[in-house]
């Protein structure tokens, strides 16, 4: 099976969790025998082409034109992706499936689908509506429209949780049989540092890692910190990651007089991440909106007790009191109580550590995730062949046949989310 995977971010270019998802999924798919070609963004500090663990990574540079905003820049990137992909697909003598990740690769995915007659699969990692608790401006409405368009054009839509399935069915009116729920994964062996044992400092580290945007809820942790510190003055809060909300969070810390308690680590590499997990007493993920929450799996894999909000995919991953603790959404008081429960009860912390590690290793391996994804590809390929599927831009050499194709399409345009 030959796969073209499209993603706007891929290591070392990482903005959020999507880059890590595509990185690990593509490698696991290669282990299943899929011939994977990833087309992603390139530029300074990256190799234009490399083969890694059976995955061929192609990095393209967006058009060198001024981009007045991010939407325009994404269009420039997609144009470059299409141009590169045309040559690539011809050179490998066709592809069996195209897999686009989020709206940021929608334009290229749709263009290649219709140009080559290759069925398209999409993964929707989050929605603009969900991230912003509604659509409040023209940019958000535009992005949401592109998300819907991508789901309409896709033969199958993959989501990472039942929570996301419910969101797409309600907001985009996707039919149930068009969606497949496949969770994210984790490679537990990458986090074996804690299991081997690293001495923790006398201070109790409370660790957060993620993109610094409002929906990740770091502001809730800042509000919870005074109550935690009242009982555990040795607590220190480490915030790893970058994002547009960082300055707001730093100001909030200063206003509360907590500068000596909070450390903003910025972007950290995997080795530093693993060491911080190993030295932390608790990992905290107080998201307001979280389609999945791969960081919770990372904490489990590292053997770090986790506190998460009872929302979205996080709620599906963690079993309260068995392999982690859940707090109420946007509640500093609830968050503080659960963090203090772990800091004050070493026996419970050990139980959560052991059970969380076992769940991450046995239930959420990337190899299993890739196997389920490959099954979706195979189903789509079989159905496309059986259905005599064609694209809107399909052209027949016989004008009468071409006319029949247009008539067959008549009346179907505008029907929301047909199954192909």
Protein backbone atom coordinates (compact mmCIF):
# COMPACT_ATOMS: atom_id res chain seq x y z
CA UNK A 1 0.00 0.00 0.00
CA UNK A 2 1.39 3.41 -1.01
CA UNK A 3 0.41 6.34 1.21
CA UNK A 4 0.78 10.10 0.81
CA UNK A 5 0.44 11.77 4.22
CA UNK A 6 0.02 15.56 4.41
CA UNK A 7 0.80 17.53 7.57
CA UNK A 8 1.66 21.18 8.09
CA UNK A 9 3.98 20.33 10.98
CA UNK A 10 6.46 17.53 11.52
CA UNK A 11 9.59 17.32 13.69
CA UNK A 12 11.74 19.29 14.05
CA UNK A 13 8.98 21.80 13.18
CA UNK A 14 6.59 21.29 16.08
CA UNK A 15 3.85 23.68 17.14
CA UNK A 16 1.53 21.32 18.97
CA UNK A 17 0.74 17.65 19.39
CA UNK A 18 -0.05 17.10 15.70
CA UNK A 19 3.64 16.90 14.80
CA UNK A 20 4.28 14.12 17.30
CA UNK A 21 1.13 12.30 16.20
CA UNK A 22 2.20 12.22 12.55
CA UNK A 23 5.80 11.37 13.47
CA UNK A 24 4.89 8.29 15.51
CA UNK A 25 1.94 7.18 13.38
CA UNK A 26 3.97 7.25 10.17
CA UNK A 27 6.73 5.13 11.69
CA UNK A 28 4.30 2.61 13.09
CA UNK A 29 2.53 2.39 9.72
CA UNK A 30 5.87 1.63 8.08
CA UNK A 31 6.30 -1.25 10.54
CA UNK A 32 2.98 -2.59 9.24
CA UNK A 33 4.38 -2.60 5.71
CA UNK A 34 2.79 0.63 4.45
CA UNK A 35 5.00 2.62 2.08
CA UNK A 36 4.73 6.02 3.73
CA UNK A 37 5.59 9.37 2.12
CA UNK A 38 5.07 12.37 4.38
CA UNK A 39 4.87 15.81 2.75
CA UNK A 40 5.31 18.60 5.23
CA UNK A 41 6.79 22.05 5.73
CA UNK A 42 10.51 22.66 5.32
CA UNK A 43 12.84 25.58 5.60
CA UNK A 44 15.89 26.67 7.52
CA UNK A 45 17.35 23.97 9.77
CA UNK A 46 15.54 21.06 8.11
CA UNK A 47 16.53 18.51 5.51
CA UNK A 48 14.46 18.72 2.29
CA UNK A 49 14.36 14.92 2.13
CA UNK A 50 15.27 12.13 4.48
CA UNK A 51 14.26 8.56 5.18
CA UNK A 52 13.65 7.75 8.82
CA UNK A 53 12.67 4.28 10.05
CA UNK A 54 11.05 3.41 6.74
CA UNK A 55 9.27 6.77 6.35
CA UNK A 56 10.19 9.01 3.44
CA UNK A 57 9.90 12.61 4.62
CA UNK A 58 9.60 15.35 1.98
CA UNK A 59 9.83 18.94 3.20
CA UNK A 60 8.64 21.75 0.96
CA UNK A 61 8.97 25.49 1.33
CA UNK A 62 5.89 27.72 0.99
CA UNK A 63 5.81 30.23 -1.84
CA UNK A 64 8.29 33.04 -1.20
CA UNK A 65 5.56 35.67 -1.35
CA UNK A 66 4.52 38.03 1.44
CA UNK A 67 1.77 36.47 3.52
CA UNK A 68 -0.38 39.07 5.26
CA UNK A 69 -1.79 36.46 7.64
CA UNK A 70 -1.58 32.82 8.64
CA UNK A 71 -4.43 31.81 6.33
CA UNK A 72 -2.52 33.09 3.32
CA UNK A 73 0.69 31.41 4.46
CA UNK A 74 -1.15 28.08 4.74
CA UNK A 75 -2.42 28.49 1.18
CA UNK A 76 1.14 29.12 -0.02
CA UNK A 77 2.27 25.97 1.78
CA UNK A 78 -0.53 23.89 0.27
CA UNK A 79 0.27 25.12 -3.25
CA UNK A 80 3.86 24.00 -2.73
CA UNK A 81 2.68 20.65 -1.37
CA UNK A 82 0.54 20.04 -4.45
CA UNK A 83 3.34 20.89 -6.87
CA UNK A 84 5.73 18.55 -5.07
CA UNK A 85 3.17 15.78 -4.69
CA UNK A 86 2.36 15.72 -8.40
CA UNK A 87 5.96 14.85 -9.24
CA UNK A 88 6.21 12.44 -6.32
CA UNK A 89 3.04 10.50 -7.18
CA UNK A 90 4.12 10.20 -10.79
CA UNK A 91 7.59 9.03 -9.78
CA UNK A 92 6.27 6.26 -7.50
CA UNK A 93 3.69 5.28 -10.16
CA UNK A 94 0.62 6.30 -8.21
CA UNK A 95 -0.60 6.10 -4.64
CA UNK A 96 -3.41 4.15 -3.01
CA UNK A 97 -4.51 6.61 -0.34
CA UNK A 98 -4.06 10.25 0.70
CA UNK A 99 -4.23 11.13 4.40
CA UNK A 100 -4.59 14.82 5.34
CA UNK A 101 -4.26 16.04 8.92
CA UNK A 102 -6.58 18.91 9.88
CA UNK A 103 -7.75 21.85 7.78
CA UNK A 104 -4.17 23.03 7.32
CA UNK A 105 -3.66 20.34 4.65
CA UNK A 106 -7.21 20.34 3.26
CA UNK A 107 -6.47 22.23 0.04
CA UNK A 108 -3.63 19.92 -1.00
CA UNK A 109 -5.58 16.82 -0.01
CA UNK A 110 -8.62 17.78 -2.06
CA UNK A 111 -6.57 18.84 -5.10
CA UNK A 112 -4.63 15.57 -5.18
CA UNK A 113 -7.78 13.50 -4.66
CA UNK A 114 -9.47 15.04 -7.68
CA UNK A 115 -6.37 15.25 -9.86
CA UNK A 116 -5.35 11.61 -9.48
CA UNK A 117 -8.58 9.90 -8.42
CA UNK A 118 -7.02 8.77 -5.12
CA UNK A 119 -9.41 8.40 -2.17
CA UNK A 120 -8.87 10.83 0.67
CA UNK A 121 -8.86 10.12 4.42
CA UNK A 122 -8.71 12.94 6.96
CA UNK A 123 -7.90 13.15 10.63
CA UNK A 124 -9.59 15.99 12.49
CA UNK A 125 -7.54 16.57 15.63
CA UNK A 126 -9.66 19.46 16.91
CA UNK A 127 -12.25 21.90 15.60
CA UNK A 128 -12.16 25.67 15.52
CA UNK A 129 -15.59 25.69 17.15
CA UNK A 130 -14.38 23.54 20.03
CA UNK A 131 -11.10 25.38 20.55
CA UNK A 132 -12.85 28.74 20.87
CA UNK A 133 -16.15 27.63 22.43
CA UNK A 134 -17.95 29.00 19.40
CA UNK A 135 -17.13 30.97 16.25
CA UNK A 136 -16.62 34.62 17.10
CA UNK A 137 -15.01 36.23 14.04
CA UNK A 138 -14.59 35.81 10.30
CA UNK A 139 -11.26 33.97 10.59
CA UNK A 140 -12.73 31.35 12.90
CA UNK A 141 -15.75 30.92 10.66
CA UNK A 142 -13.49 30.53 7.63
CA UNK A 143 -11.37 27.85 9.31
CA UNK A 144 -14.49 26.02 10.44
CA UNK A 145 -15.83 26.05 6.88
CA UNK A 146 -12.57 24.54 5.62
CA UNK A 147 -12.77 21.86 8.31
CA UNK A 148 -16.29 20.95 7.18
CA UNK A 149 -15.14 20.97 3.54
CA UNK A 150 -12.32 18.54 4.37
CA UNK A 151 -14.73 16.14 6.09
CA UNK A 152 -17.09 16.38 3.10
CA UNK A 153 -14.30 15.56 0.64
CA UNK A 154 -12.97 12.65 2.71
CA UNK A 155 -14.06 9.04 2.32
CA UNK A 156 -13.42 8.44 6.01
CA UNK A 157 -12.80 10.85 8.87
CA UNK A 158 -10.64 9.67 11.77
CA UNK A 159 -11.02 11.24 15.22
CA UNK A 160 -9.12 10.45 18.39
CA UNK A 161 -11.97 10.09 20.88
CA UNK A 162 -15.69 9.46 21.28
CA UNK A 163 -15.90 13.06 22.45
CA UNK A 164 -14.64 14.26 19.07
CA UNK A 165 -16.96 11.90 17.22
CA UNK A 166 -19.91 13.44 19.04
CA UNK A 167 -18.65 16.95 18.25
CA UNK A 168 -18.26 16.28 14.52
CA UNK A 169 -21.62 14.54 14.23
CA UNK A 170 -23.38 17.41 15.97
CA UNK A 171 -21.57 20.37 14.41
CA UNK A 172 -20.68 19.09 10.92
CA UNK A 173 -23.61 16.70 10.55
CA UNK A 174 -21.32 13.80 9.64
CA UNK A 175 -23.06 10.46 9.23
CA UNK A 176 -22.07 7.95 11.87
CA UNK A 177 -20.61 5.43 9.40
CA UNK A 178 -18.22 7.98 7.93
CA UNK A 179 -16.32 8.42 11.22
CA UNK A 180 -13.76 6.10 12.79
CA UNK A 181 -12.55 6.59 16.36
CA UNK A 182 -8.86 5.70 16.74
CA UNK A 183 -7.05 7.04 19.81
CA UNK A 184 -3.61 8.56 19.86
CA UNK A 185 -0.75 6.42 21.07
CA UNK A 186 2.46 6.54 23.03
CA UNK A 187 5.75 4.64 22.96
CA UNK A 188 6.13 3.74 26.60
CA UNK A 189 9.74 2.63 26.13
CA UNK A 190 10.73 6.22 25.37
CA UNK A 191 9.77 7.18 28.92
CA UNK A 192 11.53 4.41 30.80
CA UNK A 193 13.71 6.85 32.70
CA UNK A 194 11.43 6.92 35.75
CA UNK A 195 10.97 3.20 35.85
CA UNK A 196 14.76 2.90 36.04
CA UNK A 197 14.64 5.39 38.91
CA UNK A 198 15.80 8.99 39.17
CA UNK A 199 16.06 10.73 42.52
CA UNK A 200 13.54 13.50 42.91
CA UNK A 201 14.58 16.83 44.38
CA UNK A 202 13.42 17.82 47.86
CA UNK A 203 11.09 20.29 46.21
CA UNK A 204 7.87 18.86 44.82
CA UNK A 205 7.65 19.60 41.10
CA UNK A 206 4.21 20.14 39.56
CA UNK A 207 4.76 19.76 35.82
CA UNK A 208 2.79 21.00 32.82
CA UNK A 209 3.81 20.55 29.19
CA UNK A 210 1.84 21.73 26.18
CA UNK A 211 1.12 24.62 23.89
CA UNK A 212 0.51 27.84 25.79
CA UNK A 213 -2.98 28.74 24.60
CA UNK A 214 -6.05 29.52 26.67
CA UNK A 215 -7.75 26.17 26.14
CA UNK A 216 -4.85 24.30 27.81
CA UNK A 217 -5.83 25.88 31.13
CA UNK A 218 -2.47 26.91 32.62
CA UNK A 219 -4.22 30.00 34.01
CA UNK A 220 -6.32 27.64 36.14
CA UNK A 221 -3.15 26.09 37.57
CA UNK A 222 -1.83 29.57 38.43
CA UNK A 223 -5.06 30.32 40.28
CA UNK A 224 -4.80 26.97 42.09
CA UNK A 225 -1.17 27.51 43.15
CA UNK A 226 -1.78 29.58 46.34
CA UNK A 227 -3.98 26.85 47.86
CA UNK A 228 -1.42 24.16 46.96
CA UNK A 229 1.45 26.21 48.38
CA UNK A 230 -0.43 26.82 51.64
CA UNK A 231 -0.22 23.08 52.39
CA UNK A 232 2.93 22.26 50.40
CA UNK A 233 5.27 25.29 50.46
CA UNK A 234 7.97 23.14 48.84
CA UNK A 235 5.91 22.88 45.62
CA UNK A 236 7.38 24.36 42.45
CA UNK A 237 5.54 24.71 39.15
CA UNK A 238 7.31 24.01 35.86
CA UNK A 239 5.57 25.16 32.66
CA UNK A 240 7.08 23.73 29.46
CA UNK A 241 6.00 24.91 26.03
CA UNK A 242 5.46 28.06 24.03
CA UNK A 243 2.49 29.80 22.50
CA UNK A 244 0.58 33.06 22.10
CA UNK A 245 -0.78 32.93 25.67
CA UNK A 246 2.65 32.86 27.31
CA UNK A 247 2.98 36.57 28.06
CA UNK A 248 -0.49 36.67 29.59
CA UNK A 249 0.45 33.75 31.85
CA UNK A 250 3.73 35.39 32.90
CA UNK A 251 1.87 38.59 33.80
CA UNK A 252 -0.65 36.60 35.82
CA UNK A 253 2.17 34.91 37.75
CA UNK A 254 3.78 38.28 38.50
CA UNK A 255 0.48 39.79 39.62
CA UNK A 256 0.05 36.96 42.12
CA UNK A 257 3.62 37.32 43.38
CA UNK A 258 4.50 33.77 42.34
CA UNK A 259 7.59 34.45 40.19
CA UNK A 260 9.82 32.42 42.55
CA UNK A 261 7.39 29.46 42.39
CA UNK A 262 6.80 29.23 38.63
CA UNK A 263 9.43 28.44 36.01
CA UNK A 264 8.63 28.86 32.31
CA UNK A 265 10.94 26.41 30.56
CA UNK A 266 9.97 27.27 26.96
CA UNK A 267 10.37 24.63 24.29
CA UNK A 268 12.13 21.53 25.61
CA UNK A 269 13.55 18.51 23.79
CA UNK A 270 12.45 14.94 24.47
CA UNK A 271 15.34 14.16 26.80
CA UNK A 272 14.59 17.18 28.98
CA UNK A 273 10.87 16.36 28.90
CA UNK A 274 11.53 12.83 30.11
CA UNK A 275 13.82 14.00 32.89
CA UNK A 276 11.25 16.51 34.09
CA UNK A 277 8.55 13.86 34.11
CA UNK A 278 10.90 11.64 36.10
CA UNK A 279 11.63 14.31 38.69
CA UNK A 280 8.06 15.56 39.05
CA UNK A 281 5.69 14.50 41.79
CA UNK A 282 2.62 15.16 39.66
CA UNK A 283 1.80 16.16 36.07
CA UNK A 284 -1.14 18.51 35.59
CA UNK A 285 -3.25 19.04 32.46
CA UNK A 286 -6.12 21.43 33.30
CA UNK A 287 -7.50 21.81 29.76
CA UNK A 288 -10.73 23.62 29.08
CA UNK A 289 -11.04 21.81 25.73
CA UNK A 290 -9.10 18.67 24.83
CA UNK A 291 -10.06 16.36 21.96
CA UNK A 292 -7.67 13.70 23.22
CA UNK A 293 -4.79 14.72 25.49
CA UNK A 294 -1.71 12.80 24.41
CA UNK A 295 0.27 14.47 27.21
CA UNK A 296 -1.74 12.45 29.73
CA UNK A 297 -0.53 9.28 28.03
CA UNK A 298 3.04 10.59 28.15
CA UNK A 299 2.75 11.17 31.90
CA UNK A 300 1.38 7.66 32.37
CA UNK A 301 4.15 6.17 30.24
CA UNK A 302 6.70 8.07 32.30
CA UNK A 303 5.18 6.80 35.54
CA UNK A 304 4.19 10.28 36.72
CA UNK A 305 0.83 10.55 38.53
CA UNK A 306 -1.46 12.82 36.52
CA UNK A 307 -4.30 15.19 37.31
CA UNK A 308 -6.51 16.05 34.33
CA UNK A 309 -9.78 17.87 33.81
CA UNK A 310 -12.88 15.77 33.38
CA UNK A 311 -13.45 16.76 29.78
CA UNK A 312 -13.03 15.51 26.23
CA UNK A 313 -10.50 12.81 25.51
CA UNK A 314 -8.78 13.29 28.87
CA UNK A 315 -11.89 11.99 30.58
CA UNK A 316 -11.80 8.87 28.40
CA UNK A 317 -8.13 8.13 29.10
CA UNK A 318 -8.05 8.49 32.88
CA UNK A 319 -9.97 6.32 35.32
CA UNK A 320 -10.32 8.46 38.43
CA UNK A 321 -8.58 7.00 41.45
CA UNK A 322 -7.10 4.08 39.51
CA UNK A 323 -4.57 5.47 37.03
CA UNK A 324 -4.98 9.22 37.55
CA UNK A 325 -7.23 11.85 39.10
CA UNK A 326 -9.85 14.08 37.47
CA UNK A 327 -10.87 17.58 38.50
CA UNK A 328 -13.72 19.82 37.42
CA UNK A 329 -13.17 21.99 34.33
CA UNK A 330 -12.00 25.55 35.01
CA UNK A 331 -12.05 25.03 38.78
CA UNK A 332 -8.85 26.10 40.58
CA UNK A 333 -10.22 24.74 43.86
CA UNK A 334 -10.90 21.27 42.43
CA UNK A 335 -7.53 21.22 40.67
CA UNK A 336 -5.71 22.18 43.86
CA UNK A 337 -7.50 19.49 45.90
CA UNK A 338 -6.52 16.74 43.47
CA UNK A 339 -2.90 17.88 43.22
CA UNK A 340 -2.67 17.99 47.02
CA UNK A 341 -4.20 14.50 47.24
CA UNK A 342 -1.25 13.13 45.28
CA UNK A 343 1.40 15.23 47.01
CA UNK A 344 0.12 14.19 50.43
CA UNK A 345 -0.43 10.46 49.85
CA UNK A 346 2.66 8.58 48.60
CA UNK A 347 0.80 5.24 48.55
CA UNK A 348 -1.92 6.57 46.28
CA UNK A 349 0.68 8.30 44.08
CA UNK A 350 2.48 4.96 43.66
CA UNK A 351 -0.77 3.18 42.75
CA UNK A 352 -1.56 5.80 40.08
CA UNK A 353 2.01 5.61 38.77
CA UNK A 354 2.02 1.84 38.33
CA UNK A 355 -1.49 1.53 36.89
CA UNK A 356 -1.01 4.48 34.53
CA UNK A 357 2.22 3.04 33.18
CA UNK A 358 0.60 -0.33 32.51
CA UNK A 359 -2.33 1.27 30.68
CA UNK A 360 -0.06 3.37 28.47
CA UNK A 361 2.10 0.38 27.58
CA UNK A 362 -0.66 -2.15 26.93
CA UNK A 363 -3.64 -0.19 25.59
CA UNK A 364 -2.18 2.78 23.72
CA UNK A 365 0.82 1.55 21.75
CA UNK A 366 1.45 3.34 18.44
CA UNK A 367 1.79 -0.01 16.69
CA UNK A 368 -1.79 -0.91 17.63
CA UNK A 369 -3.01 2.56 16.60
CA UNK A 370 -1.28 2.24 13.23
CA UNK A 371 -2.80 -1.20 12.69
CA UNK A 372 -6.30 0.20 13.11
CA UNK A 373 -5.44 3.11 10.80
CA UNK A 374 -4.15 0.73 8.12
CA UNK A 375 -7.43 -1.19 8.36
CA UNK A 376 -9.30 2.04 7.55
CA UNK A 377 -7.06 2.58 4.52
CA UNK A 378 -7.71 -0.95 3.29
CA UNK A 379 -11.48 -0.59 3.70
CA UNK A 380 -11.50 2.70 1.78
CA UNK A 381 -9.39 1.29 -1.06
CA UNK A 382 -11.68 -1.75 -1.39
CA UNK A 383 -14.83 0.36 -1.32
CA UNK A 384 -13.47 2.82 -3.85
CA UNK A 385 -12.68 -0.01 -6.27
CA UNK A 386 -16.08 -1.65 -5.83
CA UNK A 387 -18.05 1.55 -6.18
CA UNK A 388 -16.63 2.68 -9.51
CA UNK A 389 -15.88 5.93 -7.73
CA UNK A 390 -14.87 8.98 -9.72
CA UNK A 391 -14.09 12.57 -8.82
CA UNK A 392 -15.89 15.78 -9.72
CA UNK A 393 -13.11 16.62 -12.16
CA UNK A 394 -13.09 13.16 -13.77
CA UNK A 395 -12.88 13.43 -17.53
CA UNK A 396 -13.73 10.61 -19.94
CA UNK A 397 -12.44 10.35 -23.47
CA UNK A 398 -15.99 9.64 -24.66
CA UNK A 399 -18.10 12.87 -24.47
CA UNK A 400 -21.30 10.87 -23.93
CA UNK A 401 -19.75 9.05 -20.96
CA UNK A 402 -18.49 12.35 -19.60
CA UNK A 403 -22.00 13.83 -19.89
CA UNK A 404 -23.41 10.82 -18.03
CA UNK A 405 -20.88 11.43 -15.25
CA UNK A 406 -22.07 15.03 -14.90
CA UNK A 407 -25.72 13.96 -14.85
CA UNK A 408 -24.94 11.35 -12.21
CA UNK A 409 -23.44 14.09 -10.05
CA UNK A 410 -26.44 16.39 -10.54
CA UNK A 411 -28.48 16.82 -7.39
CA UNK A 412 -25.79 15.49 -5.08
CA UNK A 413 -23.85 18.71 -4.67
CA UNK A 414 -24.71 20.31 -1.38
CA UNK A 415 -25.86 17.10 0.27
CA UNK A 416 -23.88 17.25 3.52
CA UNK A 417 -21.09 14.75 3.95
CA UNK A 418 -21.83 12.01 1.48
CA UNK A 419 -19.96 8.87 2.33
CA UNK A 420 -17.23 9.20 -0.27
